[in-house]
Amino acid sequence: MNTRRNRVINRLLNNIYLQIKGFLSPEISNFKFALGQSAILASRQSYSKVKNLWDAEVKVYSQWGEDGILDYICEIIELTKPRVLEIGAGNFLECNSRFIAEFRNASVVAVDARADLLNTPLHSLKWKNHIELVNEWITPDNIDSIIKLAEQNMNSVDIFSLDLDGNDYWILENANLSQFKIVVVEYNALFGSSYEVTVPRNDRFERHKEHASGLYYGASLKAFVELLKLKGFIFIGTNRSCLNAFFIKKNLRSKFKTLKVKDLDQYVDSTIRESRDSFGKLSFLAGIDRNIVIESLPLWNVASQQMVKVRDVFLL
């Protein structure tokens, strides 16, 4: 009898919780945006003195402060209403393009293979500007079709953001970026600053299936710097957590007069401890221990065109 009563009470409490959550969520979102907007506007007062990209960081909807960095870059190149293609946008609640859509009235094509992307409640945002959610698995073979879709739907494209935790290098290598002004790409700081290395191409790559730790994914910063150099882009820095690298079209570099780009070593000093054990729980590995746990896994050396192992290039 008590068990049945407890179930009834639990259902009642859960219904009350869902009603309160549904009522408060829009207000919380509005409050969060208002705080972010104020922080960005305050940060703009120092844009003329920024020497390192991470000094412009402000986190609103992005994971690590990319909202502020993107606003800084857009201000400097006078990109008032950008058009963004974000590959790996999750469910669009925490991503690089959400804030810029609200704050700068940016048009966005957000792409992810997550099923819940299409269930994200965006009615209040979608009627204000062009937001299109695309549920698709991205590979080197279909990336250009997605870029063309974005160009057609938004008339042009300005910002390309890539964060898939896996096949990123190979996708970027095949991508036609000729119309973009800004490129944001996630790199793996554990792969260091000296080598152009990436995980081997695997169009079904899933980070935690490849290795339980989740530390084996993506490509090194230098691999992206050299690849994007060939595509006409210049590296201008990263966020402070050493996860996302930012690039601009070569002809725009002169606009960033105060920005000083340091040796790549400065941008791989990541202290993030996101490793997981075989049960999927955080194991908080730090320092060289993060490399040791994946030391036997293969990497493709782009410069030498040879397969190596993690230990061959980072544990000597």
C-alpha atoms as a PDB file:
ATOM      1  CA  MET A   1       0.000   0.000   0.000  1.00  0.00           C
ATOM      2  CA  ASN A   2       2.793   2.380   0.959  1.00  0.00           C
ATOM      3  CA  THR A   3       4.651   1.496  -2.235  1.00  0.00           C
ATOM      4  CA  ARG A   4       1.660   2.430  -4.389  1.00  0.00           C
ATOM      5  CA  ARG A   5       1.180   5.668  -2.456  1.00  0.00           C
ATOM      6  CA  ASN A   6       4.866   6.523  -2.885  1.00  0.00           C
ATOM      7  CA  ARG A   7       4.619   5.972  -6.638  1.00  0.00           C
ATOM      8  CA  VAL A   8       1.605   8.278  -6.824  1.00  0.00           C
ATOM      9  CA  ILE A   9       3.403  10.933  -4.792  1.00  0.00           C
ATOM     10  CA  ASN A  10       6.540  10.614  -6.942  1.00  0.00           C
ATOM     11  CA  ARG A  11       4.515  11.015 -10.146  1.00  0.00           C
ATOM     12  CA  LEU A  12       2.765  14.054  -8.680  1.00  0.00           C
ATOM     13  CA  LEU A  13       6.061  15.641  -7.627  1.00  0.00           C
ATOM     14  CA  ASN A  14       7.593  14.898 -11.014  1.00  0.00           C
ATOM     15  CA  ASN A  15       4.650  16.531 -12.792  1.00  0.00           C
ATOM     16  CA  ILE A  16       4.970  19.589 -10.571  1.00  0.00           C
ATOM     17  CA  TYR A  17       8.692  19.735 -11.293  1.00  0.00           C
ATOM     18  CA  LEU A  18       8.144  19.535 -15.062  1.00  0.00           C
ATOM     19  CA  GLN A  19       5.516  22.286 -14.923  1.00  0.00           C
ATOM     20  CA  ILE A  20       7.793  24.564 -12.901  1.00  0.00           C
ATOM     21  CA  LYS A  21      10.711  23.788 -15.219  1.00  0.00           C
ATOM     22  CA  GLY A  22       8.617  24.516 -18.295  1.00  0.00           C
ATOM     23  CA  PHE A  23       7.484  27.812 -16.798  1.00  0.00           C
ATOM     24  CA  LEU A  24      10.918  28.947 -15.609  1.00  0.00           C
ATOM     25  CA  SER A  25      13.125  27.741 -18.474  1.00  0.00           C
ATOM     26  CA  PRO A  26      12.351  30.657 -20.836  1.00  0.00           C
ATOM     27  CA  GLU A  27      12.875  33.156 -18.013  1.00  0.00           C
ATOM     28  CA  ILE A  28      16.180  31.545 -17.002  1.00  0.00           C
ATOM     29  CA  SER A  29      17.307  31.577 -20.635  1.00  0.00           C
ATOM     30  CA  ASN A  30      16.383  35.255 -20.983  1.00  0.00           C
ATOM     31  CA  PHE A  31      18.246  36.088 -17.785  1.00  0.00           C
ATOM     32  CA  LYS A  32      21.301  34.144 -18.940  1.00  0.00           C
ATOM     33  CA  PHE A  33      21.290  35.968 -22.266  1.00  0.00           C
ATOM     34  CA  ALA A  34      20.923  39.357 -20.579  1.00  0.00           C
ATOM     35  CA  LEU A  35      23.913  38.659 -18.325  1.00  0.00           C
ATOM     36  CA  GLY A  36      25.948  37.462 -21.301  1.00  0.00           C
ATOM     37  CA  GLN A  37      24.993  40.498 -23.341  1.00  0.00           C
ATOM     38  CA  SER A  38      26.131  42.801 -20.529  1.00  0.00           C
ATOM     39  CA  ALA A  39      29.415  40.926 -20.175  1.00  0.00           C
ATOM     40  CA  ILE A  40      30.096  41.121 -23.919  1.00  0.00           C
ATOM     41  CA  LEU A  41      29.339  44.843 -24.082  1.00  0.00           C
ATOM     42  CA  ALA A  42      31.665  45.454 -21.127  1.00  0.00           C
ATOM     43  CA  SER A  43      34.369  43.331 -22.744  1.00  0.00           C
ATOM     44  CA  ARG A  44      34.164  45.371 -25.951  1.00  0.00           C
ATOM     45  CA  GLN A  45      35.681  48.333 -24.137  1.00  0.00           C
ATOM     46  CA  SER A  46      39.019  46.480 -24.185  1.00  0.00           C
ATOM     47  CA  TYR A  47      38.935  45.070 -27.725  1.00  0.00           C
ATOM     48  CA  SER A  48      41.388  47.683 -28.994  1.00  0.00           C
ATOM     49  CA  LYS A  49      44.001  46.356 -26.529  1.00  0.00           C
ATOM     50  CA  VAL A  50      43.551  42.576 -26.860  1.00  0.00           C
ATOM     51  CA  LYS A  51      46.919  40.831 -27.209  1.00  0.00           C
ATOM     52  CA  ASN A  52      45.728  37.251 -26.779  1.00  0.00           C
ATOM     53  CA  LEU A  53      42.402  35.820 -27.932  1.00  0.00           C
ATOM     54  CA  TRP A  54      41.593  34.303 -24.569  1.00  0.00           C
ATOM     55  CA  ASP A  55      41.492  37.787 -23.049  1.00  0.00           C
ATOM     56  CA  ALA A  56      38.223  38.247 -24.956  1.00  0.00           C
ATOM     57  CA  GLU A  57      36.599  35.102 -23.548  1.00  0.00           C
ATOM     58  CA  VAL A  58      33.011  35.330 -22.328  1.00  0.00           C
ATOM     59  CA  LYS A  59      30.935  32.206 -21.762  1.00  0.00           C
ATOM     60  CA  VAL A  60      27.206  32.392 -22.349  1.00  0.00           C
ATOM     61  CA  TYR A  61      26.110  29.351 -24.370  1.00  0.00           C
ATOM     62  CA  SER A  62      29.521  28.181 -25.551  1.00  0.00           C
ATOM     63  CA  GLN A  63      31.492  25.617 -23.579  1.00  0.00           C
ATOM     64  CA  TRP A  64      34.725  27.519 -22.943  1.00  0.00           C
ATOM     65  CA  GLY A  65      34.209  31.231 -23.641  1.00  0.00           C
ATOM     66  CA  GLU A  66      34.032  31.135 -27.438  1.00  0.00           C
ATOM     67  CA  ASP A  67      31.051  33.538 -27.371  1.00  0.00           C
ATOM     68  CA  GLY A  68      33.318  36.398 -26.381  1.00  0.00           C
ATOM     69  CA  ILE A  69      36.114  35.449 -28.770  1.00  0.00           C
ATOM     70  CA  LEU A  70      33.767  35.261 -31.748  1.00  0.00           C
ATOM     71  CA  ASP A  71      32.243  38.614 -30.838  1.00  0.00           C
ATOM     72  CA  TYR A  72      35.739  40.122 -30.688  1.00  0.00           C
ATOM     73  CA  ILE A  73      36.691  38.745 -34.122  1.00  0.00           C
ATOM     74  CA  CYS A  74      33.391  39.861 -35.665  1.00  0.00           C
ATOM     75  CA  GLU A  75      33.824  43.363 -34.242  1.00  0.00           C
ATOM     76  CA  ILE A  76      37.362  43.712 -35.561  1.00  0.00           C
ATOM     77  CA  ILE A  77      36.456  42.622 -39.104  1.00  0.00           C
ATOM     78  CA  GLU A  78      33.103  44.472 -38.954  1.00  0.00           C
ATOM     79  CA  LEU A  79      30.991  41.379 -39.485  1.00  0.00           C
ATOM     80  CA  THR A  80      27.699  42.658 -38.089  1.00  0.00           C
ATOM     81  CA  LYS A  81      25.270  39.856 -39.058  1.00  0.00           C
ATOM     82  CA  PRO A  82      27.356  36.740 -39.717  1.00  0.00           C
ATOM     83  CA  ARG A  83      26.194  33.542 -41.335  1.00  0.00           C
ATOM     84  CA  VAL A  84      27.406  30.506 -39.431  1.00  0.00           C
ATOM     85  CA  LEU A  85      27.761  26.830 -40.288  1.00  0.00           C
ATOM     86  CA  GLU A  86      28.439  24.832 -37.136  1.00  0.00           C
ATOM     87  CA  ILE A  87      29.330  21.165 -37.514  1.00  0.00           C
ATOM     88  CA  GLY A  88      28.992  19.370 -34.178  1.00  0.00           C
ATOM     89  CA  ALA A  89      26.497  21.710 -32.542  1.00  0.00           C
ATOM     90  CA  GLY A  90      25.214  19.099 -30.072  1.00  0.00           C
ATOM     91  CA  ASN A  91      21.596  19.889 -29.223  1.00  0.00           C
ATOM     92  CA  PHE A  92      22.209  23.629 -29.836  1.00  0.00           C
ATOM     93  CA  LEU A  93      21.960  24.460 -26.138  1.00  0.00           C
ATOM     94  CA  GLU A  94      25.741  24.661 -25.608  1.00  0.00           C
ATOM     95  CA  CYS A  95      27.572  25.535 -28.808  1.00  0.00           C
ATOM     96  CA  ASN A  96      29.490  28.295 -30.581  1.00  0.00           C
ATOM     97  CA  SER A  97      26.646  29.697 -32.675  1.00  0.00           C
ATOM     98  CA  ARG A  98      23.762  29.992 -30.182  1.00  0.00           C
ATOM     99  CA  PHE A  99      24.734  33.324 -28.612  1.00  0.00           C
ATOM    100  CA  ILE A 100      25.834  34.911 -31.871  1.00  0.00           C
ATOM    101  CA  ALA A 101      22.417  34.016 -33.292  1.00  0.00           C
ATOM    102  CA  GLU A 102      20.643  35.860 -30.488  1.00  0.00           C
ATOM    103  CA  PHE A 103      23.056  38.752 -30.014  1.00  0.00           C
ATOM    104  CA  ARG A 104      24.081  39.520 -33.601  1.00  0.00           C
ATOM    105  CA  ASN A 105      20.987  38.180 -35.323  1.00  0.00           C
ATOM    106  CA  ALA A 106      23.239  35.691 -37.088  1.00  0.00           C
ATOM    107  CA  SER A 107      21.837  33.116 -39.466  1.00  0.00           C
ATOM    108  CA  VAL A 108      22.871  29.592 -38.462  1.00  0.00           C
ATOM    109  CA  VAL A 109      22.879  26.134 -39.976  1.00  0.00           C
ATOM    110  CA  ALA A 110      23.640  23.822 -37.030  1.00  0.00           C
ATOM    111  CA  VAL A 111      24.541  20.211 -37.815  1.00  0.00           C
ATOM    112  CA  ASP A 112      24.856  17.188 -35.540  1.00  0.00           C
ATOM    113  CA  ALA A 113      24.054  13.480 -35.586  1.00  0.00           C
ATOM    114  CA  ARG A 114      22.385  13.679 -32.162  1.00  0.00           C
ATOM    115  CA  ALA A 115      18.689  12.849 -32.396  1.00  0.00           C
ATOM    116  CA  ASP A 116      17.771  15.372 -29.703  1.00  0.00           C
ATOM    117  CA  LEU A 117      19.026  18.251 -31.871  1.00  0.00           C
ATOM    118  CA  LEU A 118      15.685  18.357 -33.656  1.00  0.00           C
ATOM    119  CA  ASN A 119      13.790  18.405 -30.349  1.00  0.00           C
ATOM    120  CA  THR A 120      15.493  21.515 -28.995  1.00  0.00           C
ATOM    121  CA  PRO A 121      12.811  24.168 -28.260  1.00  0.00           C
ATOM    122  CA  LEU A 122      13.793  27.168 -30.401  1.00  0.00           C
ATOM    123  CA  HIS A 123      10.450  28.681 -31.369  1.00  0.00           C
ATOM    124  CA  SER A 124      11.205  32.032 -29.727  1.00  0.00           C
ATOM    125  CA  LEU A 125      14.526  32.218 -31.586  1.00  0.00           C
ATOM    126  CA  LYS A 126      13.617  30.718 -34.966  1.00  0.00           C
ATOM    127  CA  TRP A 127      11.006  33.328 -35.815  1.00  0.00           C
ATOM    128  CA  LYS A 128      13.483  36.124 -35.160  1.00  0.00           C
ATOM    129  CA  ASN A 129      16.187  34.907 -37.532  1.00  0.00           C
ATOM    130  CA  HIS A 130      17.258  32.030 -39.758  1.00  0.00           C
ATOM    131  CA  ILE A 131      18.072  28.952 -37.659  1.00  0.00           C
ATOM    132  CA  GLU A 132      18.163  25.598 -39.406  1.00  0.00           C
ATOM    133  CA  LEU A 133      18.905  22.351 -37.582  1.00  0.00           C
ATOM    134  CA  VAL A 134      20.293  19.468 -39.641  1.00  0.00           C
ATOM    135  CA  ASN A 135      20.451  15.961 -38.174  1.00  0.00           C
ATOM    136  CA  GLU A 136      23.215  14.266 -40.169  1.00  0.00           C
ATOM    137  CA  TRP A 137      26.442  12.315 -39.683  1.00  0.00           C
ATOM    138  CA  ILE A 138      29.276  14.262 -41.318  1.00  0.00           C
ATOM    139  CA  THR A 139      32.125  12.642 -43.260  1.00  0.00           C
ATOM    140  CA  PRO A 140      34.786  13.928 -45.678  1.00  0.00           C
ATOM    141  CA  ASP A 141      32.531  12.760 -48.495  1.00  0.00           C
ATOM    142  CA  ASN A 142      29.443  14.789 -47.572  1.00  0.00           C
ATOM    143  CA  ILE A 143      30.969  17.918 -46.000  1.00  0.00           C
ATOM    144  CA  ASP A 144      30.837  19.940 -49.215  1.00  0.00           C
ATOM    145  CA  SER A 145      27.168  19.125 -49.728  1.00  0.00           C
ATOM    146  CA  ILE A 146      26.459  20.524 -46.246  1.00  0.00           C
ATOM    147  CA  ILE A 147      28.489  23.650 -47.030  1.00  0.00           C
ATOM    148  CA  LYS A 148      26.517  24.122 -50.259  1.00  0.00           C
ATOM    149  CA  LEU A 149      23.266  23.661 -48.328  1.00  0.00           C
ATOM    150  CA  ALA A 150      24.332  26.381 -45.894  1.00  0.00           C
ATOM    151  CA  GLU A 151      25.330  28.709 -48.741  1.00  0.00           C
ATOM    152  CA  GLN A 152      21.975  28.211 -50.459  1.00  0.00           C
ATOM    153  CA  ASN A 153      19.901  28.652 -47.307  1.00  0.00           C
ATOM    154  CA  MET A 154      21.753  31.715 -45.992  1.00  0.00           C
ATOM    155  CA  ASN A 155      22.852  33.168 -49.370  1.00  0.00           C
ATOM    156  CA  SER A 156      26.482  33.108 -48.203  1.00  0.00           C
ATOM    157  CA  VAL A 157      28.622  31.844 -45.322  1.00  0.00           C
ATOM    158  CA  ASP A 158      31.092  33.609 -43.009  1.00  0.00           C
ATOM    159  CA  ILE A 159      31.969  31.375 -40.058  1.00  0.00           C
ATOM    160  CA  PHE A 160      32.776  27.658 -40.124  1.00  0.00           C
ATOM    161  CA  SER A 161      32.912  25.852 -36.765  1.00  0.00           C
ATOM    162  CA  LEU A 162      33.972  22.194 -36.542  1.00  0.00           C
ATOM    163  CA  ASP A 163      33.867  20.056 -33.396  1.00  0.00           C
ATOM    164  CA  LEU A 164      33.248  16.347 -33.944  1.00  0.00           C
ATOM    165  CA  ASP A 165      35.868  14.806 -31.630  1.00  0.00           C
ATOM    166  CA  GLY A 166      37.166  12.443 -34.259  1.00  0.00           C
ATOM    167  CA  ASN A 167      37.520  12.632 -38.016  1.00  0.00           C
ATOM    168  CA  ASP A 168      37.871  16.437 -37.970  1.00  0.00           C
ATOM    169  CA  TYR A 169      41.158  16.703 -39.881  1.00  0.00           C
ATOM    170  CA  TRP A 170      39.951  14.576 -42.779  1.00  0.00           C
ATOM    171  CA  ILE A 171      36.662  16.466 -42.971  1.00  0.00           C
ATOM    172  CA  LEU A 172      38.462  19.808 -42.973  1.00  0.00           C
ATOM    173  CA  GLU A 173      40.897  18.594 -45.617  1.00  0.00           C
ATOM    174  CA  ASN A 174      37.982  17.896 -47.988  1.00  0.00           C
ATOM    175  CA  ALA A 175      35.995  21.033 -47.120  1.00  0.00           C
ATOM    176  CA  ASN A 176      35.713  23.917 -49.585  1.00  0.00           C
ATOM    177  CA  LEU A 177      36.248  26.910 -47.305  1.00  0.00           C
ATOM    178  CA  SER A 178      36.707  29.545 -49.996  1.00  0.00           C
ATOM    179  CA  GLN A 179      33.709  31.668 -48.928  1.00  0.00           C
ATOM    180  CA  PHE A 180      34.393  31.624 -45.177  1.00  0.00           C
ATOM    181  CA  LYS A 181      36.124  34.426 -43.291  1.00  0.00           C
ATOM    182  CA  ILE A 182      36.521  32.671 -39.910  1.00  0.00           C
ATOM    183  CA  VAL A 183      37.232  29.033 -39.055  1.00  0.00           C
ATOM    184  CA  VAL A 184      36.964  27.540 -35.558  1.00  0.00           C
ATOM    185  CA  VAL A 185      38.183  23.990 -35.016  1.00  0.00           C
ATOM    186  CA  GLU A 186      38.663  21.827 -31.938  1.00  0.00           C
ATOM    187  CA  TYR A 187      42.118  20.256 -31.646  1.00  0.00           C
ATOM    188  CA  ASN A 188      43.673  17.714 -29.288  1.00  0.00           C
ATOM    189  CA  ALA A 189      46.257  19.444 -27.103  1.00  0.00           C
ATOM    190  CA  LEU A 190      47.601  16.060 -25.944  1.00  0.00           C
ATOM    191  CA  PHE A 191      49.084  15.595 -29.428  1.00  0.00           C
ATOM    192  CA  GLY A 192      51.490  18.454 -28.725  1.00  0.00           C
ATOM    193  CA  SER A 193      52.736  21.349 -30.832  1.00  0.00           C
ATOM    194  CA  SER A 194      55.617  19.882 -32.849  1.00  0.00           C
ATOM    195  CA  TYR A 195      53.955  17.311 -35.092  1.00  0.00           C
ATOM    196  CA  GLU A 196      51.264  17.332 -37.758  1.00  0.00           C
ATOM    197  CA  VAL A 197      49.372  14.272 -36.561  1.00  0.00           C
ATOM    198  CA  THR A 198      45.787  13.087 -36.600  1.00  0.00           C
ATOM    199  CA  VAL A 199      43.850   9.951 -35.823  1.00  0.00           C
ATOM    200  CA  PRO A 200      43.650   7.797 -38.970  1.00  0.00           C
ATOM    201  CA  ARG A 201      40.634   8.422 -41.167  1.00  0.00           C
ATOM    202  CA  ASN A 202      37.595   6.546 -39.937  1.00  0.00           C
ATOM    203  CA  ASP A 203      34.237   7.805 -41.165  1.00  0.00           C
ATOM    204  CA  ARG A 204      32.447   6.087 -38.265  1.00  0.00           C
ATOM    205  CA  PHE A 205      34.804   7.363 -35.570  1.00  0.00           C
ATOM    206  CA  GLU A 206      33.196   7.695 -32.132  1.00  0.00           C
ATOM    207  CA  ARG A 207      35.468   9.080 -29.455  1.00  0.00           C
ATOM    208  CA  HIS A 208      34.606   6.871 -26.486  1.00  0.00           C
ATOM    209  CA  LYS A 209      34.237   3.747 -28.592  1.00  0.00           C
ATOM    210  CA  GLU A 210      37.768   4.142 -29.982  1.00  0.00           C
ATOM    211  CA  HIS A 211      39.202   4.323 -26.456  1.00  0.00           C
ATOM    212  CA  ALA A 212      37.346   4.323 -23.136  1.00  0.00           C
ATOM    213  CA  SER A 213      39.407   7.259 -21.813  1.00  0.00           C
ATOM    214  CA  GLY A 214      38.001   9.604 -24.456  1.00  0.00           C
ATOM    215  CA  LEU A 215      41.478  11.113 -24.864  1.00  0.00           C
ATOM    216  CA  TYR A 216      42.112   9.696 -28.326  1.00  0.00           C
ATOM    217  CA  TYR A 217      40.475  11.876 -30.987  1.00  0.00           C
ATOM    218  CA  GLY A 218      41.034  14.625 -33.513  1.00  0.00           C
ATOM    219  CA  ALA A 219      44.327  16.137 -34.611  1.00  0.00           C
ATOM    220  CA  SER A 220      47.182  18.255 -33.293  1.00  0.00           C
ATOM    221  CA  LEU A 221      47.108  22.030 -33.428  1.00  0.00           C
ATOM    222  CA  LYS A 222      50.035  22.093 -35.870  1.00  0.00           C
ATOM    223  CA  ALA A 223      48.191  19.755 -38.228  1.00  0.00           C
ATOM    224  CA  PHE A 224      45.319  22.229 -38.431  1.00  0.00           C
ATOM    225  CA  VAL A 225      47.603  25.265 -38.667  1.00  0.00           C
ATOM    226  CA  GLU A 226      49.444  23.822 -41.663  1.00  0.00           C
ATOM    227  CA  LEU A 227      46.300  22.502 -43.353  1.00  0.00           C
ATOM    228  CA  LEU A 228      44.421  25.784 -43.046  1.00  0.00           C
ATOM    229  CA  LYS A 229      47.474  27.724 -44.199  1.00  0.00           C
ATOM    230  CA  LEU A 230      47.152  25.866 -47.502  1.00  0.00           C
ATOM    231  CA  LYS A 231      43.497  26.947 -47.633  1.00  0.00           C
ATOM    232  CA  GLY A 232      44.342  30.631 -47.147  1.00  0.00           C
ATOM    233  CA  PHE A 233      43.757  31.005 -43.384  1.00  0.00           C
ATOM    234  CA  ILE A 234      46.003  32.372 -40.642  1.00  0.00           C
ATOM    235  CA  PHE A 235      46.069  31.072 -37.059  1.00  0.00           C
ATOM    236  CA  ILE A 236      45.322  33.837 -34.530  1.00  0.00           C
ATOM    237  CA  GLY A 237      45.066  31.933 -31.228  1.00  0.00           C
ATOM    238  CA  THR A 238      42.962  29.675 -29.043  1.00  0.00           C
ATOM    239  CA  ASN A 239      40.758  29.782 -25.997  1.00  0.00           C
ATOM    240  CA  ARG A 240      42.473  29.607 -22.604  1.00  0.00           C
ATOM    241  CA  SER A 241      41.575  25.937 -22.097  1.00  0.00           C
ATOM    242  CA  CYS A 242      43.519  25.010 -25.251  1.00  0.00           C
ATOM    243  CA  LEU A 243      40.638  23.293 -27.015  1.00  0.00           C
ATOM    244  CA  ASN A 244      39.433  25.516 -29.852  1.00  0.00           C
ATOM    245  CA  ALA A 245      41.700  27.203 -32.402  1.00  0.00           C
ATOM    246  CA  PHE A 246      40.659  30.262 -34.398  1.00  0.00           C
ATOM    247  CA  PHE A 247      41.675  31.162 -37.933  1.00  0.00           C
ATOM    248  CA  ILE A 248      40.894  34.096 -40.212  1.00  0.00           C
ATOM    249  CA  LYS A 249      41.266  34.688 -43.944  1.00  0.00           C
ATOM    250  CA  LYS A 250      44.809  35.790 -44.711  1.00  0.00           C
ATOM    251  CA  ASN A 251      43.742  39.189 -46.058  1.00  0.00           C
ATOM    252  CA  LEU A 252      42.063  40.053 -42.723  1.00  0.00           C
ATOM    253  CA  ARG A 253      45.119  39.539 -40.487  1.00  0.00           C
ATOM    254  CA  SER A 254      46.209  43.185 -40.728  1.00  0.00           C
ATOM    255  CA  LYS A 255      43.037  44.275 -38.930  1.00  0.00           C
ATOM    256  CA  PHE A 256      44.207  42.611 -35.688  1.00  0.00           C
ATOM    257  CA  LYS A 257      46.924  45.124 -34.937  1.00  0.00           C
ATOM    258  CA  THR A 258      47.353  44.411 -31.219  1.00  0.00           C
ATOM    259  CA  LEU A 259      46.972  40.618 -31.382  1.00  0.00           C
ATOM    260  CA  LYS A 260      50.215  38.745 -30.702  1.00  0.00           C
ATOM    261  CA  VAL A 261      50.406  35.075 -31.709  1.00  0.00           C
ATOM    262  CA  LYS A 262      52.863  33.094 -29.594  1.00  0.00           C
ATOM    263  CA  ASP A 263      54.792  29.888 -30.149  1.00  0.00           C
ATOM    264  CA  LEU A 264      52.434  26.925 -30.530  1.00  0.00           C
ATOM    265  CA  ASP A 265      53.736  25.481 -27.240  1.00  0.00           C
ATOM    266  CA  GLN A 266      51.671  28.120 -25.441  1.00  0.00           C
ATOM    267  CA  TYR A 267      48.460  26.708 -26.905  1.00  0.00           C
ATOM    268  CA  VAL A 268      48.805  23.049 -25.895  1.00  0.00           C
ATOM    269  CA  ASP A 269      49.200  23.604 -22.155  1.00  0.00           C
ATOM    270  CA  SER A 270      45.854  22.029 -21.340  1.00  0.00           C
ATOM    271  CA  THR A 271      45.028  21.182 -17.722  1.00  0.00           C
ATOM    272  CA  ILE A 272      41.635  19.640 -18.499  1.00  0.00           C
ATOM    273  CA  ARG A 273      41.202  16.275 -16.759  1.00  0.00           C
ATOM    274  CA  GLU A 274      38.337  14.711 -18.692  1.00  0.00           C
ATOM    275  CA  SER A 275      39.631  11.138 -18.947  1.00  0.00           C
ATOM    276  CA  ARG A 276      37.270   8.297 -18.098  1.00  0.00           C
ATOM    277  CA  ASP A 277      37.761   4.767 -16.852  1.00  0.00           C
ATOM    278  CA  SER A 278      36.390   1.564 -18.386  1.00  0.00           C
ATOM    279  CA  PHE A 279      33.083   2.161 -16.598  1.00  0.00           C
ATOM    280  CA  GLY A 280      32.677   5.622 -18.096  1.00  0.00           C
ATOM    281  CA  LYS A 281      33.425   7.483 -14.861  1.00  0.00           C
ATOM    282  CA  LEU A 282      35.807  10.431 -14.748  1.00  0.00           C
ATOM    283  CA  SER A 283      39.302   9.264 -13.768  1.00  0.00           C
ATOM    284  CA  PHE A 284      40.899  12.753 -13.711  1.00  0.00           C
ATOM    285  CA  LEU A 285      44.228  11.777 -15.288  1.00  0.00           C
ATOM    286  CA  ALA A 286      46.670  14.670 -15.507  1.00  0.00           C
ATOM    287  CA  GLY A 287      49.976  15.527 -17.192  1.00  0.00           C
ATOM    288  CA  ILE A 288      51.851  12.813 -19.067  1.00  0.00           C
ATOM    289  CA  ASP A 289      49.550  10.127 -17.618  1.00  0.00           C
ATOM    290  CA  ARG A 290      46.959  11.226 -20.172  1.00  0.00           C
ATOM    291  CA  ASN A 291      49.351  10.343 -23.015  1.00  0.00           C
ATOM    292  CA  ILE A 292      50.490   7.096 -21.425  1.00  0.00           C
ATOM    293  CA  VAL A 293      46.976   5.667 -21.326  1.00  0.00           C
ATOM    294  CA  ILE A 294      46.722   6.023 -25.128  1.00  0.00           C
ATOM    295  CA  GLU A 295      50.409   5.458 -25.959  1.00  0.00           C
ATOM    296  CA  SER A 296      49.881   2.366 -28.151  1.00  0.00           C
ATOM    297  CA  LEU A 297      47.229   3.923 -30.403  1.00  0.00           C
ATOM    298  CA  PRO A 298      48.021   4.917 -34.004  1.00  0.00           C
ATOM    299  CA  LEU A 299      48.416   8.420 -35.414  1.00  0.00           C
ATOM    300  CA  TRP A 300      48.903   9.485 -39.005  1.00  0.00           C
ATOM    301  CA  ASN A 301      51.876  11.823 -39.460  1.00  0.00           C
ATOM    302  CA  VAL A 302      50.743  14.162 -42.232  1.00  0.00           C
ATOM    303  CA  ALA A 303      54.223  15.549 -42.927  1.00  0.00           C
ATOM    304  CA  SER A 304      56.024  12.194 -43.215  1.00  0.00           C
ATOM    305  CA  GLN A 305      52.993  10.326 -44.587  1.00  0.00           C
ATOM    306  CA  GLN A 306      53.626   7.509 -42.115  1.00  0.00           C
ATOM    307  CA  MET A 307      51.672   5.784 -39.388  1.00  0.00           C
ATOM    308  CA  VAL A 308      53.177   6.210 -35.921  1.00  0.00           C
ATOM    309  CA  LYS A 309      52.011   5.610 -32.370  1.00  0.00           C
ATOM    310  CA  VAL A 310      51.307   8.130 -29.667  1.00  0.00           C
ATOM    311  CA  ARG A 311      54.381   7.029 -27.706  1.00  0.00           C
ATOM    312  CA  ASP A 312      56.641   7.464 -30.735  1.00  0.00           C
ATOM    313  CA  VAL A 313      56.204  11.209 -30.850  1.00  0.00           C
ATOM    314  CA  PHE A 314      55.281  12.275 -27.314  1.00  0.00           C
ATOM    315  CA  LEU A 315      56.890   9.900 -24.873  1.00  0.00           C
ATOM    316  CA  LEU A 316      60.507   9.908 -26.090  1.00  0.00           C
END
